[in-house]
Amino acid sequence: MPPDSYHDDLSDFIRHHRLDAYELTDDELAEFLEVWRWSLWMNHREPSIPDADVLDSTRQLQRRMAHEHNVEVDYNTLLLLKQEAEPLMYLRVLTAVPRAVLYFLRLRGLWALFCSLRRVRRYEWLDKVVDKQREPQGHIQRRLYPRLLLERLRERAPDLAKRAYWRPLSSTSLDERKRLDFWL
């Protein structure tokens, strides 16, 4: 880990070979959640959510055709499928607007809206600051959250002791889930 930043994949928060929020201190948990929110916002802007859904659906089709039928999907067929899926995915966004508005109209939702708007503004500013320090074109650049800015932030961690602790119903090992590409 670079001494002055956190990786966007949350790998800096691995403890005892697990990514477990209950293993973190309150300060680490607050930092963990801030890096997670920042990573979601920054990594899911391009492509847009509907575009990502279109890409995901075509990748799933390719994976299924390859694994179940040993068939490759033609490139032009994929383009055709993407074009047909795109309006449906954008319509899905439009139909979700009323639910999103209702979510934010609750008292806790209004507070979440205010906090989210403030965080998004910080993430946009942070991206402009970090963008000036990026490597020249041609190098793959992973997103990093500067540790100094995170320490200055001082977000409050949620009280995990008050949250219900759930255990997964599956007893499948990590190796088996990786092999089957199965995630809860």
N, C-alpha and C. Protein backbone atom coordinates (compact mmCIF):
# COMPACT_ATOMS: atom_id res chain seq x y z
N MET A 1 0.85 -1.18 0.00
CA MET A 1 0.00 0.00 0.00
C MET A 1 0.89 1.24 0.00
N PRO A 2 0.64 2.15 -0.90
CA PRO A 2 1.38 3.41 -0.83
C PRO A 2 1.07 4.09 0.50
N PRO A 3 2.07 4.68 1.12
CA PRO A 3 1.85 5.25 2.45
C PRO A 3 0.91 6.45 2.47
N ASP A 4 0.59 7.00 1.32
CA ASP A 4 -0.20 8.23 1.32
C ASP A 4 -1.57 8.09 0.67
N SER A 5 -2.03 6.83 0.43
CA SER A 5 -3.33 6.70 -0.24
C SER A 5 -3.95 5.32 0.02
N TYR A 6 -5.26 5.23 -0.27
CA TYR A 6 -6.01 3.97 -0.18
C TYR A 6 -6.42 3.55 -1.59
N HIS A 7 -6.36 2.26 -1.88
CA HIS A 7 -6.78 1.74 -3.18
C HIS A 7 -8.29 1.66 -3.25
N ASP A 8 -8.82 1.83 -4.45
CA ASP A 8 -10.27 1.82 -4.63
C ASP A 8 -10.88 0.43 -4.52
N ASP A 9 -10.05 -0.62 -4.46
CA ASP A 9 -10.59 -1.98 -4.33
C ASP A 9 -10.74 -2.42 -2.87
N LEU A 10 -10.49 -1.51 -1.92
CA LEU A 10 -10.63 -1.75 -0.49
C LEU A 10 -9.63 -2.76 0.06
N SER A 11 -8.62 -3.11 -0.70
CA SER A 11 -7.65 -4.11 -0.26
C SER A 11 -6.84 -3.63 0.95
N ASP A 12 -6.79 -2.34 1.17
CA ASP A 12 -6.05 -1.81 2.32
C ASP A 12 -6.75 -2.11 3.64
N PHE A 13 -7.98 -2.59 3.58
CA PHE A 13 -8.75 -2.86 4.79
C PHE A 13 -8.87 -4.35 5.09
N ILE A 14 -8.11 -5.16 4.40
CA ILE A 14 -8.12 -6.60 4.65
C ILE A 14 -7.41 -6.86 5.98
N ARG A 15 -8.08 -7.63 6.83
CA ARG A 15 -7.50 -8.02 8.12
C ARG A 15 -7.67 -9.54 8.25
N HIS A 16 -6.61 -10.22 8.62
CA HIS A 16 -6.66 -11.68 8.84
C HIS A 16 -7.21 -12.41 7.61
N HIS A 17 -6.78 -11.99 6.44
CA HIS A 17 -7.15 -12.60 5.15
C HIS A 17 -8.64 -12.51 4.84
N ARG A 18 -9.32 -11.49 5.40
CA ARG A 18 -10.75 -11.29 5.14
C ARG A 18 -11.03 -9.80 5.08
N LEU A 19 -12.02 -9.45 4.28
CA LEU A 19 -12.53 -8.09 4.27
C LEU A 19 -13.78 -8.11 5.15
N ASP A 20 -13.61 -7.75 6.41
CA ASP A 20 -14.67 -7.87 7.41
C ASP A 20 -14.75 -6.56 8.19
N ALA A 21 -15.85 -5.85 8.05
CA ALA A 21 -16.02 -4.57 8.72
C ALA A 21 -15.94 -4.71 10.24
N TYR A 22 -16.30 -5.87 10.76
CA TYR A 22 -16.28 -6.09 12.20
C TYR A 22 -14.86 -6.24 12.74
N GLU A 23 -13.89 -6.39 11.87
CA GLU A 23 -12.48 -6.48 12.28
C GLU A 23 -11.82 -5.10 12.36
N LEU A 24 -12.51 -4.05 11.93
CA LEU A 24 -11.92 -2.72 11.86
C LEU A 24 -12.24 -1.90 13.10
N THR A 25 -11.35 -0.98 13.41
CA THR A 25 -11.64 -0.02 14.48
C THR A 25 -12.66 0.98 13.96
N ASP A 26 -13.22 1.80 14.83
CA ASP A 26 -14.20 2.79 14.41
C ASP A 26 -13.62 3.75 13.38
N ASP A 27 -12.39 4.20 13.60
CA ASP A 27 -11.76 5.10 12.63
C ASP A 27 -11.55 4.41 11.29
N GLU A 28 -11.07 3.17 11.34
CA GLU A 28 -10.86 2.41 10.10
C GLU A 28 -12.19 2.15 9.39
N LEU A 29 -13.24 1.87 10.17
CA LEU A 29 -14.56 1.63 9.57
C LEU A 29 -15.07 2.88 8.86
N ALA A 30 -14.91 4.03 9.48
CA ALA A 30 -15.33 5.28 8.84
C ALA A 30 -14.55 5.51 7.55
N GLU A 31 -13.24 5.26 7.59
CA GLU A 31 -12.41 5.41 6.39
C GLU A 31 -12.81 4.38 5.33
N PHE A 32 -13.05 3.15 5.75
CA PHE A 32 -13.47 2.07 4.85
C PHE A 32 -14.75 2.45 4.11
N LEU A 33 -15.74 2.97 4.84
CA LEU A 33 -17.01 3.35 4.22
C LEU A 33 -16.84 4.54 3.28
N GLU A 34 -16.00 5.50 3.67
CA GLU A 34 -15.76 6.66 2.80
C GLU A 34 -15.08 6.23 1.50
N VAL A 35 -14.07 5.37 1.59
CA VAL A 35 -13.38 4.89 0.39
C VAL A 35 -14.35 4.08 -0.48
N TRP A 36 -15.23 3.29 0.14
CA TRP A 36 -16.23 2.52 -0.60
C TRP A 36 -17.18 3.45 -1.36
N ARG A 37 -17.72 4.47 -0.67
CA ARG A 37 -18.64 5.40 -1.33
C ARG A 37 -17.95 6.13 -2.46
N TRP A 38 -16.73 6.58 -2.21
CA TRP A 38 -15.94 7.27 -3.23
C TRP A 38 -15.70 6.35 -4.43
N SER A 39 -15.32 5.10 -4.16
CA SER A 39 -15.04 4.14 -5.23
C SER A 39 -16.29 3.88 -6.07
N LEU A 40 -17.43 3.71 -5.40
CA LEU A 40 -18.68 3.51 -6.15
C LEU A 40 -18.98 4.70 -7.05
N TRP A 41 -18.86 5.89 -6.49
CA TRP A 41 -19.19 7.07 -7.28
C TRP A 41 -18.24 7.25 -8.45
N MET A 42 -16.97 7.08 -8.22
CA MET A 42 -15.98 7.33 -9.26
C MET A 42 -15.95 6.21 -10.31
N ASN A 43 -16.11 4.97 -9.89
CA ASN A 43 -15.98 3.85 -10.82
C ASN A 43 -17.27 3.55 -11.57
N HIS A 44 -18.40 4.04 -11.11
CA HIS A 44 -19.66 3.74 -11.77
C HIS A 44 -20.24 4.94 -12.50
N ARG A 45 -19.40 5.88 -12.84
CA ARG A 45 -19.85 7.02 -13.65
C ARG A 45 -19.71 6.73 -15.12
N GLU A 46 -18.64 6.06 -15.48
CA GLU A 46 -18.39 5.73 -16.88
C GLU A 46 -18.20 4.24 -16.98
N PRO A 47 -18.93 3.51 -17.70
CA PRO A 47 -20.15 3.94 -18.37
C PRO A 47 -21.27 4.19 -17.38
N SER A 48 -22.35 4.79 -17.87
CA SER A 48 -23.49 5.08 -17.01
C SER A 48 -24.11 3.76 -16.55
N ILE A 49 -24.97 3.83 -15.56
CA ILE A 49 -25.60 2.62 -15.03
C ILE A 49 -26.34 1.85 -16.13
N PRO A 50 -27.17 2.50 -16.96
CA PRO A 50 -27.82 1.72 -18.03
C PRO A 50 -26.81 1.09 -19.00
N ASP A 51 -25.75 1.83 -19.31
CA ASP A 51 -24.73 1.27 -20.20
C ASP A 51 -24.05 0.07 -19.55
N ALA A 52 -23.78 0.17 -18.26
CA ALA A 52 -23.16 -0.94 -17.55
C ALA A 52 -24.09 -2.15 -17.53
N ASP A 53 -25.39 -1.91 -17.38
CA ASP A 53 -26.35 -3.01 -17.42
C ASP A 53 -26.36 -3.68 -18.79
N VAL A 54 -26.27 -2.89 -19.83
CA VAL A 54 -26.23 -3.44 -21.19
C VAL A 54 -24.98 -4.29 -21.36
N LEU A 55 -23.83 -3.77 -20.96
CA LEU A 55 -22.58 -4.53 -21.07
C LEU A 55 -22.64 -5.80 -20.23
N ASP A 56 -23.16 -5.69 -19.02
CA ASP A 56 -23.26 -6.84 -18.14
C ASP A 56 -24.16 -7.92 -18.73
N SER A 57 -25.28 -7.52 -19.29
CA SER A 57 -26.20 -8.51 -19.86
C SER A 57 -25.58 -9.23 -21.05
N THR A 58 -24.85 -8.50 -21.89
CA THR A 58 -24.22 -9.17 -23.04
C THR A 58 -23.05 -10.05 -22.59
N ARG A 59 -22.33 -9.64 -21.57
CA ARG A 59 -21.25 -10.49 -21.05
C ARG A 59 -21.82 -11.77 -20.45
N GLN A 60 -22.94 -11.64 -19.74
CA GLN A 60 -23.56 -12.83 -19.17
C GLN A 60 -24.00 -13.78 -20.28
N LEU A 61 -24.55 -13.23 -21.35
CA LEU A 61 -24.96 -14.07 -22.48
C LEU A 61 -23.74 -14.77 -23.08
N GLN A 62 -22.65 -14.02 -23.27
CA GLN A 62 -21.44 -14.62 -23.82
C GLN A 62 -20.93 -15.74 -22.91
N ARG A 63 -20.89 -15.49 -21.62
CA ARG A 63 -20.41 -16.48 -20.65
C ARG A 63 -21.30 -17.73 -20.70
N ARG A 64 -22.61 -17.51 -20.72
CA ARG A 64 -23.54 -18.64 -20.73
C ARG A 64 -23.40 -19.46 -22.02
N MET A 65 -23.32 -18.77 -23.16
CA MET A 65 -23.17 -19.47 -24.43
C MET A 65 -21.86 -20.27 -24.46
N ALA A 66 -20.80 -19.69 -23.93
CA ALA A 66 -19.51 -20.37 -23.94
C ALA A 66 -19.51 -21.58 -23.01
N HIS A 67 -20.03 -21.41 -21.79
CA HIS A 67 -19.98 -22.50 -20.80
C HIS A 67 -21.01 -23.60 -21.07
N GLU A 68 -22.23 -23.20 -21.43
CA GLU A 68 -23.30 -24.19 -21.56
C GLU A 68 -23.38 -24.81 -22.95
N HIS A 69 -22.99 -24.04 -23.98
CA HIS A 69 -23.16 -24.54 -25.35
C HIS A 69 -21.87 -24.57 -26.15
N ASN A 70 -20.76 -24.10 -25.55
CA ASN A 70 -19.47 -24.04 -26.23
C ASN A 70 -19.59 -23.27 -27.56
N VAL A 71 -20.28 -22.13 -27.50
CA VAL A 71 -20.55 -21.32 -28.68
C VAL A 71 -20.05 -19.91 -28.44
N GLU A 72 -19.41 -19.34 -29.46
CA GLU A 72 -18.99 -17.95 -29.40
C GLU A 72 -20.07 -17.08 -30.03
N VAL A 73 -20.36 -15.94 -29.39
CA VAL A 73 -21.35 -15.02 -29.94
C VAL A 73 -20.64 -14.05 -30.87
N ASP A 74 -21.15 -13.94 -32.09
CA ASP A 74 -20.57 -13.06 -33.10
C ASP A 74 -20.54 -11.61 -32.63
N TYR A 75 -19.49 -10.90 -33.00
CA TYR A 75 -19.32 -9.50 -32.58
C TYR A 75 -20.48 -8.62 -33.03
N ASN A 76 -20.89 -8.75 -34.28
CA ASN A 76 -22.00 -7.94 -34.79
C ASN A 76 -23.32 -8.30 -34.11
N THR A 77 -23.47 -9.56 -33.74
CA THR A 77 -24.66 -9.97 -32.99
C THR A 77 -24.66 -9.31 -31.62
N LEU A 78 -23.48 -9.24 -31.00
CA LEU A 78 -23.38 -8.55 -29.70
C LEU A 78 -23.76 -7.08 -29.84
N LEU A 79 -23.30 -6.44 -30.89
CA LEU A 79 -23.66 -5.04 -31.10
C LEU A 79 -25.16 -4.87 -31.28
N LEU A 80 -25.76 -5.79 -32.03
CA LEU A 80 -27.21 -5.75 -32.23
C LEU A 80 -27.94 -5.93 -30.90
N LEU A 81 -27.50 -6.88 -30.09
CA LEU A 81 -28.13 -7.13 -28.79
C LEU A 81 -27.98 -5.92 -27.87
N LYS A 82 -26.82 -5.28 -27.91
CA LYS A 82 -26.61 -4.08 -27.10
C LYS A 82 -27.56 -2.96 -27.52
N GLN A 83 -27.73 -2.79 -28.83
CA GLN A 83 -28.63 -1.75 -29.33
C GLN A 83 -30.07 -2.01 -28.90
N GLU A 84 -30.47 -3.26 -28.87
CA GLU A 84 -31.83 -3.61 -28.46
C GLU A 84 -32.01 -3.47 -26.95
N ALA A 85 -30.97 -3.72 -26.19
CA ALA A 85 -31.06 -3.66 -24.72
C ALA A 85 -31.02 -2.23 -24.21
N GLU A 86 -30.33 -1.36 -24.92
CA GLU A 86 -30.11 0.01 -24.44
C GLU A 86 -31.40 0.77 -24.10
N PRO A 87 -32.40 0.83 -24.98
CA PRO A 87 -33.60 1.58 -24.62
C PRO A 87 -34.33 0.98 -23.41
N LEU A 88 -34.29 -0.34 -23.28
CA LEU A 88 -34.93 -0.99 -22.13
C LEU A 88 -34.24 -0.60 -20.82
N MET A 89 -32.92 -0.55 -20.84
CA MET A 89 -32.18 -0.21 -19.62
C MET A 89 -32.41 1.26 -19.23
N TYR A 90 -32.49 2.14 -20.22
CA TYR A 90 -32.78 3.54 -19.92
C TYR A 90 -34.22 3.71 -19.43
N LEU A 91 -35.13 2.93 -19.99
CA LEU A 91 -36.51 2.96 -19.50
C LEU A 91 -36.57 2.48 -18.06
N ARG A 92 -35.76 1.50 -17.72
CA ARG A 92 -35.70 1.01 -16.34
C ARG A 92 -35.30 2.15 -15.39
N VAL A 93 -34.37 2.99 -15.82
CA VAL A 93 -33.95 4.13 -15.00
C VAL A 93 -35.13 5.08 -14.81
N LEU A 94 -35.85 5.38 -15.88
CA LEU A 94 -36.99 6.28 -15.78
C LEU A 94 -38.09 5.73 -14.87
N THR A 95 -38.33 4.44 -14.94
CA THR A 95 -39.36 3.87 -14.08
C THR A 95 -38.93 3.82 -12.62
N ALA A 96 -37.64 3.92 -12.35
CA ALA A 96 -37.13 3.91 -10.97
C ALA A 96 -37.15 5.30 -10.35
N VAL A 97 -37.37 6.34 -11.14
CA VAL A 97 -37.34 7.71 -10.62
C VAL A 97 -38.35 7.92 -9.49
N PRO A 98 -39.61 7.50 -9.62
CA PRO A 98 -40.55 7.73 -8.50
C PRO A 98 -40.09 7.05 -7.21
N ARG A 99 -39.56 5.85 -7.31
CA ARG A 99 -39.07 5.16 -6.11
C ARG A 99 -37.90 5.90 -5.48
N ALA A 100 -37.02 6.45 -6.31
CA ALA A 100 -35.88 7.22 -5.80
C ALA A 100 -36.35 8.49 -5.10
N VAL A 101 -37.34 9.16 -5.69
CA VAL A 101 -37.88 10.38 -5.08
C VAL A 101 -38.52 10.05 -3.74
N LEU A 102 -39.29 8.98 -3.69
CA LEU A 102 -39.92 8.57 -2.43
C LEU A 102 -38.88 8.21 -1.37
N TYR A 103 -37.80 7.59 -1.81
CA TYR A 103 -36.72 7.23 -0.87
C TYR A 103 -36.17 8.48 -0.19
N PHE A 104 -35.94 9.52 -0.96
CA PHE A 104 -35.34 10.73 -0.40
C PHE A 104 -36.35 11.64 0.30
N LEU A 105 -37.64 11.40 0.14
CA LEU A 105 -38.63 12.24 0.80
C LEU A 105 -38.86 11.87 2.26
N ARG A 106 -38.41 10.71 2.69
CA ARG A 106 -38.50 10.35 4.11
C ARG A 106 -37.53 11.24 4.89
N LEU A 107 -37.74 11.37 6.20
CA LEU A 107 -36.86 12.22 7.01
C LEU A 107 -35.41 11.74 6.94
N ARG A 108 -35.20 10.45 7.13
CA ARG A 108 -33.83 9.92 7.03
C ARG A 108 -33.31 10.02 5.60
N GLY A 109 -34.23 9.95 4.64
CA GLY A 109 -33.84 10.07 3.24
C GLY A 109 -33.36 11.46 2.90
N LEU A 110 -33.99 12.48 3.48
CA LEU A 110 -33.54 13.86 3.25
C LEU A 110 -32.13 14.07 3.80
N TRP A 111 -31.87 13.51 4.97
CA TRP A 111 -30.53 13.61 5.54
C TRP A 111 -29.53 12.85 4.65
N ALA A 112 -29.93 11.67 4.16
CA ALA A 112 -29.05 10.89 3.27
C ALA A 112 -28.79 11.65 1.98
N LEU A 113 -29.82 12.35 1.46
CA LEU A 113 -29.65 13.16 0.25
C LEU A 113 -28.63 14.27 0.49
N PHE A 114 -28.78 14.98 1.59
CA PHE A 114 -27.84 16.05 1.93
C PHE A 114 -26.42 15.51 2.05
N CYS A 115 -26.26 14.42 2.80
CA CYS A 115 -24.92 13.83 2.98
C CYS A 115 -24.34 13.34 1.65
N SER A 116 -25.18 12.73 0.83
CA SER A 116 -24.71 12.22 -0.46
C SER A 116 -24.29 13.35 -1.40
N LEU A 117 -25.08 14.42 -1.43
CA LEU A 117 -24.71 15.57 -2.27
C LEU A 117 -23.38 16.18 -1.83
N ARG A 118 -23.21 16.28 -0.52
CA ARG A 118 -21.95 16.81 0.01
C ARG A 118 -20.77 15.89 -0.35
N ARG A 119 -20.99 14.59 -0.21
CA ARG A 119 -19.92 13.64 -0.54
C ARG A 119 -19.58 13.66 -2.03
N VAL A 120 -20.61 13.71 -2.87
CA VAL A 120 -20.38 13.73 -4.31
C VAL A 120 -19.59 14.96 -4.71
N ARG A 121 -19.92 16.09 -4.12
CA ARG A 121 -19.16 17.31 -4.41
C ARG A 121 -17.70 17.13 -4.00
N ARG A 122 -17.45 16.49 -2.85
CA ARG A 122 -16.08 16.23 -2.40
C ARG A 122 -15.38 15.27 -3.36
N TYR A 123 -16.08 14.24 -3.83
CA TYR A 123 -15.46 13.26 -4.74
C TYR A 123 -15.10 13.90 -6.07
N GLU A 124 -15.96 14.78 -6.56
CA GLU A 124 -15.68 15.48 -7.82
C GLU A 124 -14.45 16.38 -7.66
N TRP A 125 -14.37 17.09 -6.54
CA TRP A 125 -13.22 17.94 -6.27
C TRP A 125 -11.97 17.09 -6.13
N LEU A 126 -12.08 15.98 -5.42
CA LEU A 126 -10.95 15.09 -5.21
C LEU A 126 -10.44 14.54 -6.53
N ASP A 127 -11.35 14.20 -7.44
CA ASP A 127 -10.95 13.66 -8.74
C ASP A 127 -10.16 14.70 -9.54
N LYS A 128 -10.56 15.97 -9.45
CA LYS A 128 -9.83 17.02 -10.15
C LYS A 128 -8.44 17.20 -9.58
N VAL A 129 -8.31 17.09 -8.26
CA VAL A 129 -7.00 17.25 -7.61
C VAL A 129 -6.10 16.08 -7.98
N VAL A 130 -6.62 14.86 -7.89
CA VAL A 130 -5.82 13.66 -8.16
C VAL A 130 -5.50 13.56 -9.65
N ASP A 131 -6.41 14.02 -10.52
CA ASP A 131 -6.22 13.94 -11.97
C ASP A 131 -4.96 14.69 -12.41
N LYS A 132 -4.62 15.75 -11.71
CA LYS A 132 -3.41 16.50 -12.04
C LYS A 132 -2.15 15.71 -11.77
N GLN A 133 -2.25 14.69 -10.89
CA GLN A 133 -1.08 13.92 -10.50
C GLN A 133 -0.99 12.58 -11.23
N ARG A 134 -1.90 12.30 -12.15
CA ARG A 134 -1.93 11.01 -12.84
C ARG A 134 -0.74 10.85 -13.76
N GLU A 135 -0.43 9.58 -14.02
CA GLU A 135 0.68 9.26 -14.92
C GLU A 135 0.31 9.60 -16.35
N PRO A 136 1.32 9.73 -17.23
CA PRO A 136 1.03 10.02 -18.64
C PRO A 136 0.20 8.92 -19.29
N GLN A 137 -0.40 9.26 -20.44
CA GLN A 137 -1.23 8.30 -21.17
C GLN A 137 -0.43 7.04 -21.46
N GLY A 138 -1.12 5.93 -21.51
CA GLY A 138 -0.47 4.66 -21.79
C GLY A 138 -0.24 3.83 -20.55
N HIS A 139 -0.27 4.44 -19.38
CA HIS A 139 -0.12 3.71 -18.14
C HIS A 139 -1.49 3.47 -17.53
N ILE A 140 -1.69 2.26 -17.02
CA ILE A 140 -2.95 1.97 -16.34
C ILE A 140 -2.89 2.61 -14.96
N GLN A 141 -3.87 3.44 -14.67
CA GLN A 141 -3.89 4.16 -13.40
C GLN A 141 -5.04 3.66 -12.55
N ARG A 142 -4.71 3.12 -11.39
CA ARG A 142 -5.75 2.74 -10.44
C ARG A 142 -6.12 3.96 -9.63
N ARG A 143 -7.36 4.03 -9.25
CA ARG A 143 -7.80 5.15 -8.43
C ARG A 143 -7.29 4.98 -7.01
N LEU A 144 -6.79 6.07 -6.46
CA LEU A 144 -6.29 6.08 -5.09
C LEU A 144 -6.92 7.24 -4.34
N TYR A 145 -7.28 7.00 -3.09
CA TYR A 145 -7.85 8.04 -2.23
C TYR A 145 -6.74 8.51 -1.31
N PRO A 146 -6.36 9.78 -1.37
CA PRO A 146 -5.25 10.27 -0.55
C PRO A 146 -5.53 10.13 0.95
N ARG A 147 -4.63 9.49 1.65
CA ARG A 147 -4.79 9.23 3.08
C ARG A 147 -4.91 10.53 3.86
N LEU A 148 -4.16 11.56 3.51
CA LEU A 148 -4.19 12.82 4.24
C LEU A 148 -5.58 13.45 4.20
N LEU A 149 -6.22 13.43 3.04
CA LEU A 149 -7.57 13.98 2.93
C LEU A 149 -8.57 13.16 3.73
N LEU A 150 -8.39 11.86 3.74
CA LEU A 150 -9.29 10.99 4.48
C LEU A 150 -9.14 11.20 5.98
N GLU A 151 -7.92 11.39 6.43
CA GLU A 151 -7.70 11.64 7.87
C GLU A 151 -8.30 12.98 8.29
N ARG A 152 -8.26 13.96 7.42
CA ARG A 152 -8.85 15.27 7.73
C ARG A 152 -10.38 15.22 7.78
N LEU A 153 -10.95 14.28 7.06
CA LEU A 153 -12.40 14.21 6.91
C LEU A 153 -13.09 13.91 8.23
N ARG A 154 -12.63 12.93 8.96
CA ARG A 154 -13.18 12.56 10.26
C ARG A 154 -14.67 12.22 10.21
N GLU A 155 -15.04 11.32 9.31
CA GLU A 155 -16.42 10.82 9.26
C GLU A 155 -16.65 9.92 10.48
N ARG A 156 -17.89 9.89 10.94
CA ARG A 156 -18.25 9.05 12.08
C ARG A 156 -18.62 7.66 11.60
N ALA A 157 -18.16 6.65 12.29
CA ALA A 157 -18.46 5.26 11.92
C ALA A 157 -19.81 4.86 12.50
N PRO A 158 -20.56 4.00 11.78
CA PRO A 158 -21.80 3.49 12.36
C PRO A 158 -21.49 2.54 13.52
N ASP A 159 -22.41 2.42 14.44
CA ASP A 159 -22.23 1.53 15.58
C ASP A 159 -22.60 0.11 15.17
N LEU A 160 -21.60 -0.70 14.89
CA LEU A 160 -21.85 -2.05 14.40
C LEU A 160 -22.42 -2.95 15.49
N ALA A 161 -22.21 -2.60 16.75
CA ALA A 161 -22.74 -3.41 17.84
C ALA A 161 -24.27 -3.38 17.86
N LYS A 162 -24.87 -2.32 17.33
CA LYS A 162 -26.33 -2.21 17.29
C LYS A 162 -26.94 -2.88 16.07
N ARG A 163 -26.12 -3.22 15.10
CA ARG A 163 -26.63 -3.83 13.87
C ARG A 163 -26.78 -5.34 14.07
N ALA A 164 -27.79 -5.89 13.43
CA ALA A 164 -27.96 -7.34 13.45
C ALA A 164 -26.81 -7.99 12.67
N TYR A 165 -26.26 -9.04 13.19
CA TYR A 165 -25.16 -9.74 12.53
C TYR A 165 -25.73 -11.00 11.90
N TRP A 166 -25.61 -11.11 10.58
CA TRP A 166 -26.17 -12.24 9.85
C TRP A 166 -25.04 -13.14 9.36
N ARG A 167 -25.33 -14.40 9.30
CA ARG A 167 -24.36 -15.35 8.75
C ARG A 167 -24.89 -15.88 7.42
N PRO A 168 -23.99 -16.09 6.46
CA PRO A 168 -24.46 -16.61 5.17
C PRO A 168 -25.03 -18.02 5.34
N LEU A 169 -26.02 -18.34 4.53
CA LEU A 169 -26.64 -19.67 4.59
C LEU A 169 -25.80 -20.72 3.88
N SER A 170 -24.94 -20.29 2.99
CA SER A 170 -24.12 -21.21 2.22
C SER A 170 -22.85 -21.56 2.98
N SER A 171 -22.47 -22.80 2.92
CA SER A 171 -21.21 -23.23 3.55
C SER A 171 -20.12 -23.42 2.50
N THR A 172 -20.32 -22.85 1.32
CA THR A 172 -19.38 -22.99 0.21
C THR A 172 -18.10 -22.23 0.52
N SER A 173 -16.96 -22.85 0.24
CA SER A 173 -15.67 -22.22 0.49
C SER A 173 -15.38 -21.13 -0.55
N LEU A 174 -14.41 -20.29 -0.24
CA LEU A 174 -14.02 -19.22 -1.17
C LEU A 174 -13.54 -19.81 -2.50
N ASP A 175 -12.73 -20.87 -2.44
CA ASP A 175 -12.23 -21.49 -3.68
C ASP A 175 -13.38 -22.02 -4.53
N GLU A 176 -14.38 -22.62 -3.89
CA GLU A 176 -15.52 -23.15 -4.63
C GLU A 176 -16.34 -22.02 -5.24
N ARG A 177 -16.55 -20.92 -4.50
CA ARG A 177 -17.29 -19.78 -5.04
C ARG A 177 -16.53 -19.15 -6.20
N LYS A 178 -15.20 -19.09 -6.11
CA LYS A 178 -14.41 -18.54 -7.22
C LYS A 178 -14.53 -19.43 -8.45
N ARG A 179 -14.47 -20.74 -8.25
CA ARG A 179 -14.56 -21.68 -9.37
C ARG A 179 -15.92 -21.60 -10.05
N LEU A 180 -16.98 -21.49 -9.23
CA LEU A 180 -18.34 -21.45 -9.77
C LEU A 180 -18.77 -20.04 -10.16
N ASP A 181 -17.96 -19.05 -9.82
CA ASP A 181 -18.30 -17.65 -10.05
C ASP A 181 -19.65 -17.32 -9.41
N PHE A 182 -19.79 -17.78 -8.15
CA PHE A 182 -21.04 -17.60 -7.38
C PHE A 182 -20.78 -16.66 -6.22
N TRP A 183 -21.55 -15.59 -6.14
CA TRP A 183 -21.38 -14.59 -5.08
C TRP A 183 -22.71 -14.25 -4.47
N LEU A 184 -22.74 -14.09 -3.18
CA LEU A 184 -23.98 -13.79 -2.46
C LEU A 184 -24.46 -12.41 -2.73
